[in-house]
């Protein structure tokens, strides 16, 4: 179940970038509470808020906001931080009813070693880290634990395979892959490169090729351009007496 925390706040009359900067300089954090009909601008003590989020890492944190005596049950939706300094810039809350179901995103944690890994040498790939569900605020949890110990090599677990309590309605599509066990990838060997590396180097090959360019043409070959073909003179035999 999600933790419930009390936090004091007060109404904020001004808004805008300049007003928010001035508010932060006085030690407060500007925030907004979104309700079904309207949104309320509030301010929270920066030290108290910082301590709350430091000691509570839950992604679904329910807070009792005491706004000048009026207690508002709210879910912490988003916290904006300064990228460089790291301090809190702004916070968003969503007003909720403990008797009305709401849509939330909950993390998935894989438990157990798949048979495809321990017995068949495969590799487990976690494909989906969160799913969206509908439930009552009182049933919120930080994460769902999913047992993958029976997942074999080449097998895939889908969202529809997750077994949850009926109080949770899964909104993520059932055919979305959650986890799979795959065959380890083998490095492909370039056979041509291996053959080239293994072949012995022919020493003096380039020199021979260069010499061959200026060599005399082979017997029977056509003469080069401008070269006269030497006519073979036939020797005359002396006449018989």
Protein backbone atom coordinates (compact mmCIF):
# COMPACT_ATOMS: atom_id res chain seq x y z
CA UNK A 1 0.00 0.00 0.00
CA UNK A 2 1.21 3.51 -0.80
CA UNK A 3 2.48 5.56 2.11
CA UNK A 4 0.38 8.41 3.43
CA UNK A 5 2.16 11.52 4.66
CA UNK A 6 1.00 14.81 6.14
CA UNK A 7 2.34 18.04 4.69
CA UNK A 8 1.48 21.63 5.61
CA UNK A 9 0.80 24.14 2.81
CA UNK A 10 -0.71 27.56 2.29
CA UNK A 11 -2.52 29.34 -0.52
CA UNK A 12 -0.50 31.12 -3.18
CA UNK A 13 -1.98 34.33 -4.52
CA UNK A 14 0.62 35.15 -7.18
CA UNK A 15 1.82 33.07 -10.12
CA UNK A 16 4.28 33.32 -12.98
CA UNK A 17 8.03 32.89 -13.37
CA UNK A 18 9.06 35.99 -11.45
CA UNK A 19 6.70 35.26 -8.56
CA UNK A 20 7.91 31.63 -8.37
CA UNK A 21 11.56 32.72 -8.25
CA UNK A 22 10.80 35.20 -5.48
CA UNK A 23 8.92 32.48 -3.57
CA UNK A 24 11.83 30.05 -3.82
CA UNK A 25 14.22 32.69 -2.50
CA UNK A 26 12.14 32.78 0.72
CA UNK A 27 12.46 29.00 1.18
CA UNK A 28 9.14 27.86 -0.30
CA UNK A 29 8.29 25.59 -3.23
CA UNK A 30 5.46 26.64 -5.58
CA UNK A 31 2.95 23.85 -6.27
CA UNK A 32 -0.43 23.15 -7.87
CA UNK A 33 -3.20 20.80 -6.74
CA UNK A 34 -5.34 19.64 -9.67
CA UNK A 35 -8.94 18.77 -8.83
CA UNK A 36 -11.88 17.56 -10.93
CA UNK A 37 -13.20 21.10 -11.41
CA UNK A 38 -10.34 23.49 -10.73
CA UNK A 39 -6.67 23.79 -9.83
CA UNK A 40 -5.33 25.40 -6.66
CA UNK A 41 -2.03 27.21 -6.39
CA UNK A 42 -0.22 26.54 -3.12
CA UNK A 43 3.21 26.92 -1.54
CA UNK A 44 5.07 24.37 0.60
CA UNK A 45 8.00 24.73 2.96
CA UNK A 46 10.99 23.74 0.85
CA UNK A 47 12.86 21.99 3.67
CA UNK A 48 9.84 19.90 4.70
CA UNK A 49 9.08 18.94 1.11
CA UNK A 50 12.70 18.06 0.37
CA UNK A 51 12.86 15.83 3.44
CA UNK A 52 9.63 14.09 2.41
CA UNK A 53 10.77 13.13 -1.07
CA UNK A 54 14.23 12.14 0.19
CA UNK A 55 12.86 9.62 2.67
CA UNK A 56 10.08 8.33 0.42
CA UNK A 57 11.16 6.99 -2.95
CA UNK A 58 7.71 5.67 -3.87
CA UNK A 59 6.47 6.70 -7.32
CA UNK A 60 2.88 6.78 -6.02
CA UNK A 61 2.98 8.90 -2.88
CA UNK A 62 -0.31 9.84 -1.22
CA UNK A 63 -0.15 13.05 0.81
CA UNK A 64 -2.55 14.71 3.23
CA UNK A 65 -2.13 18.38 2.28
CA UNK A 66 -3.16 20.64 5.13
CA UNK A 67 -3.93 23.88 3.29
CA UNK A 68 -4.65 26.39 6.08
CA UNK A 69 -6.84 23.93 7.96
CA UNK A 70 -8.43 22.21 4.94
CA UNK A 71 -7.06 18.69 4.46
CA UNK A 72 -6.82 17.56 0.84
CA UNK A 73 -6.03 13.96 -0.03
CA UNK A 74 -3.66 14.13 -2.99
CA UNK A 75 -1.28 12.03 -5.06
CA UNK A 76 2.14 13.49 -5.80
CA UNK A 77 2.27 13.50 -9.60
CA UNK A 78 5.45 15.31 -10.59
CA UNK A 79 8.43 17.07 -9.08
CA UNK A 80 10.57 19.41 -11.19
CA UNK A 81 14.23 19.89 -10.26
CA UNK A 82 16.83 22.41 -11.33
CA UNK A 83 19.11 20.58 -13.78
CA UNK A 84 22.32 22.15 -12.47
CA UNK A 85 21.68 22.91 -8.80
CA UNK A 86 19.34 19.95 -8.16
CA UNK A 87 16.92 21.81 -5.88
CA UNK A 88 13.13 21.53 -6.29
CA UNK A 89 11.51 24.06 -8.61
CA UNK A 90 7.86 22.99 -8.65
CA UNK A 91 5.49 20.19 -7.60
CA UNK A 92 2.18 18.92 -8.98
CA UNK A 93 -0.47 17.10 -6.94
CA UNK A 94 -3.68 15.35 -8.01
CA UNK A 95 -6.65 15.50 -5.65
CA UNK A 96 -8.10 12.01 -5.13
CA UNK A 97 -10.94 10.18 -3.40
CA UNK A 98 -10.14 7.02 -1.43
CA UNK A 99 -13.38 5.46 -2.67
CA UNK A 100 -12.87 6.20 -6.38
CA UNK A 101 -10.62 4.16 -8.66
CA UNK A 102 -7.83 5.93 -10.49
CA UNK A 103 -5.35 5.19 -13.29
CA UNK A 104 -1.71 4.87 -12.27
CA UNK A 105 1.54 3.49 -13.68
CA UNK A 106 3.25 0.82 -11.58
CA UNK A 107 6.73 -0.63 -12.05
CA UNK A 108 7.42 -4.30 -12.90
CA UNK A 109 10.08 -6.30 -11.06
CA UNK A 110 11.14 -9.70 -12.42
CA UNK A 111 11.72 -12.43 -9.83
CA UNK A 112 13.44 -15.79 -10.17
CA UNK A 113 15.94 -17.19 -12.66
CA UNK A 114 14.33 -18.42 -15.90
CA UNK A 115 14.83 -22.09 -16.82
CA UNK A 116 16.00 -20.89 -20.22
CA UNK A 117 18.90 -19.14 -18.51
CA UNK A 118 19.93 -21.65 -15.82
CA UNK A 119 19.40 -24.81 -17.89
CA UNK A 120 19.73 -23.73 -21.53
CA UNK A 121 22.28 -20.91 -21.42
CA UNK A 122 19.97 -18.16 -22.65
CA UNK A 123 19.88 -14.48 -21.74
CA UNK A 124 16.91 -12.80 -20.03
CA UNK A 125 15.72 -9.52 -21.58
CA UNK A 126 13.40 -7.26 -19.56
CA UNK A 127 11.33 -5.54 -22.25
CA UNK A 128 8.61 -3.67 -20.32
CA UNK A 129 9.37 -1.80 -17.11
CA UNK A 130 5.91 -0.43 -16.21
CA UNK A 131 2.24 -1.16 -16.77
CA UNK A 132 -0.83 1.01 -16.39
CA UNK A 133 -3.57 -0.20 -14.04
CA UNK A 134 -6.78 1.04 -12.47
CA UNK A 135 -7.33 0.64 -8.73
CA UNK A 136 -8.37 2.38 -5.54
CA UNK A 137 -5.83 4.77 -3.99
CA UNK A 138 -5.59 2.54 -0.92
CA UNK A 139 -4.38 -0.36 -3.08
CA UNK A 140 -1.44 1.46 -4.64
CA UNK A 141 1.90 -0.36 -4.47
CA UNK A 142 5.43 0.60 -5.47
CA UNK A 143 5.79 -2.33 -7.89
CA UNK A 144 4.42 -5.69 -9.06
CA UNK A 145 6.64 -8.76 -8.72
CA UNK A 146 6.42 -11.12 -11.71
CA UNK A 147 7.82 -14.67 -11.50
CA UNK A 148 9.77 -15.64 -14.64
CA UNK A 149 11.39 -18.85 -13.31
CA UNK A 150 9.47 -21.07 -15.76
CA UNK A 151 10.32 -19.01 -18.84
CA UNK A 152 12.20 -21.22 -21.32
CA UNK A 153 14.67 -20.47 -24.09
CA UNK A 154 13.00 -18.69 -27.00
CA UNK A 155 9.85 -18.06 -24.94
CA UNK A 156 8.24 -14.66 -24.27
CA UNK A 157 6.02 -13.52 -21.41
CA UNK A 158 3.22 -11.11 -22.35
CA UNK A 159 1.32 -8.59 -20.23
CA UNK A 160 -1.69 -10.93 -20.34
CA UNK A 161 0.40 -13.57 -18.52
CA UNK A 162 0.77 -11.40 -15.40
CA UNK A 163 -1.30 -12.72 -12.52
CA UNK A 164 -2.63 -9.88 -10.34
CA UNK A 165 -5.26 -9.54 -7.65
CA UNK A 166 -8.73 -8.81 -9.12
CA UNK A 167 -8.67 -5.39 -7.44
CA UNK A 168 -6.24 -4.30 -10.19
CA UNK A 169 -7.52 -3.79 -13.72
CA UNK A 170 -4.66 -3.90 -16.22
CA UNK A 171 -5.03 -1.20 -18.89
CA UNK A 172 -1.84 -1.94 -20.85
CA UNK A 173 -2.51 -4.07 -23.96
CA UNK A 174 -2.23 -7.80 -23.24
CA UNK A 175 -0.15 -8.57 -26.36
CA UNK A 176 2.74 -6.33 -25.27
CA UNK A 177 5.91 -8.33 -24.55
CA UNK A 178 7.11 -8.14 -20.95
CA UNK A 179 10.20 -10.39 -20.89
CA UNK A 180 11.91 -12.98 -23.09
CA UNK A 181 14.82 -15.43 -23.01
CA UNK A 182 17.00 -15.27 -26.11
CA UNK A 183 19.92 -17.25 -27.51
CA UNK A 184 23.30 -15.53 -26.89
CA UNK A 185 24.54 -13.71 -29.97
CA UNK A 186 27.69 -15.17 -31.53
CA UNK A 187 30.25 -12.93 -33.18
CA UNK A 188 30.16 -13.39 -36.93
CA UNK A 189 33.52 -14.23 -38.53
CA UNK A 190 34.37 -12.64 -41.87
CA UNK A 191 35.62 -15.68 -43.81
CA UNK A 192 37.06 -13.57 -46.62
CA UNK A 193 39.10 -11.49 -44.16
CA UNK A 194 40.36 -14.62 -42.39
CA UNK A 195 41.41 -16.20 -45.73
CA UNK A 196 43.23 -13.04 -46.78
CA UNK A 197 45.08 -12.86 -43.49
CA UNK A 198 46.10 -16.52 -43.70
CA UNK A 199 47.41 -16.31 -47.31
CA UNK A 200 51.27 -16.03 -47.58
CA UNK A 201 52.65 -12.75 -48.88
CA UNK A 202 54.31 -13.01 -52.32
CA UNK A 203 57.67 -11.24 -51.99
CA UNK A 204 58.77 -9.27 -55.03
CA UNK A 205 55.39 -9.56 -56.71
CA UNK A 206 55.13 -5.82 -57.34
CA UNK A 207 58.68 -5.73 -58.69
CA UNK A 208 57.96 -8.52 -61.14
CA UNK A 209 54.79 -6.80 -62.30
CA UNK A 210 56.70 -3.54 -62.88
CA UNK A 211 59.43 -5.36 -64.87
CA UNK A 212 56.86 -7.16 -66.95
CA UNK A 213 55.52 -3.84 -68.21
CA UNK A 214 58.75 -3.11 -70.13
CA UNK A 215 59.44 -6.70 -71.29
CA UNK A 216 59.52 -7.74 -74.96
CA UNK A 217 56.23 -8.96 -76.35
CA UNK A 218 55.68 -12.68 -76.40
CA UNK A 219 56.31 -14.77 -79.47
CA UNK A 220 53.53 -14.28 -81.97
CA UNK A 221 52.25 -11.16 -80.35
CA UNK A 222 51.34 -8.12 -82.46
CA UNK A 223 54.04 -5.44 -82.68
CA UNK A 224 53.62 -2.19 -80.84
CA UNK A 225 52.33 0.88 -82.65
CA UNK A 226 54.95 2.41 -85.00
CA UNK A 227 57.14 -0.67 -84.93
CA UNK A 228 57.83 -2.21 -88.26
CA UNK A 229 57.61 -5.89 -88.51
CA UNK A 230 60.93 -7.32 -89.59
CA UNK A 231 60.52 -9.43 -92.62
CA UNK A 232 62.26 -12.71 -92.50
CA UNK A 233 64.51 -13.12 -95.52
CA UNK A 234 64.57 -16.51 -97.04
CA UNK A 235 68.05 -17.82 -97.67
CA UNK A 236 68.70 -18.93 -101.22
CA UNK A 237 70.21 -22.32 -101.60
CA UNK A 238 72.94 -22.71 -104.25
CA UNK A 239 71.91 -24.47 -107.45
CA UNK A 240 73.08 -27.99 -108.08
CA UNK A 241 75.71 -28.44 -110.78
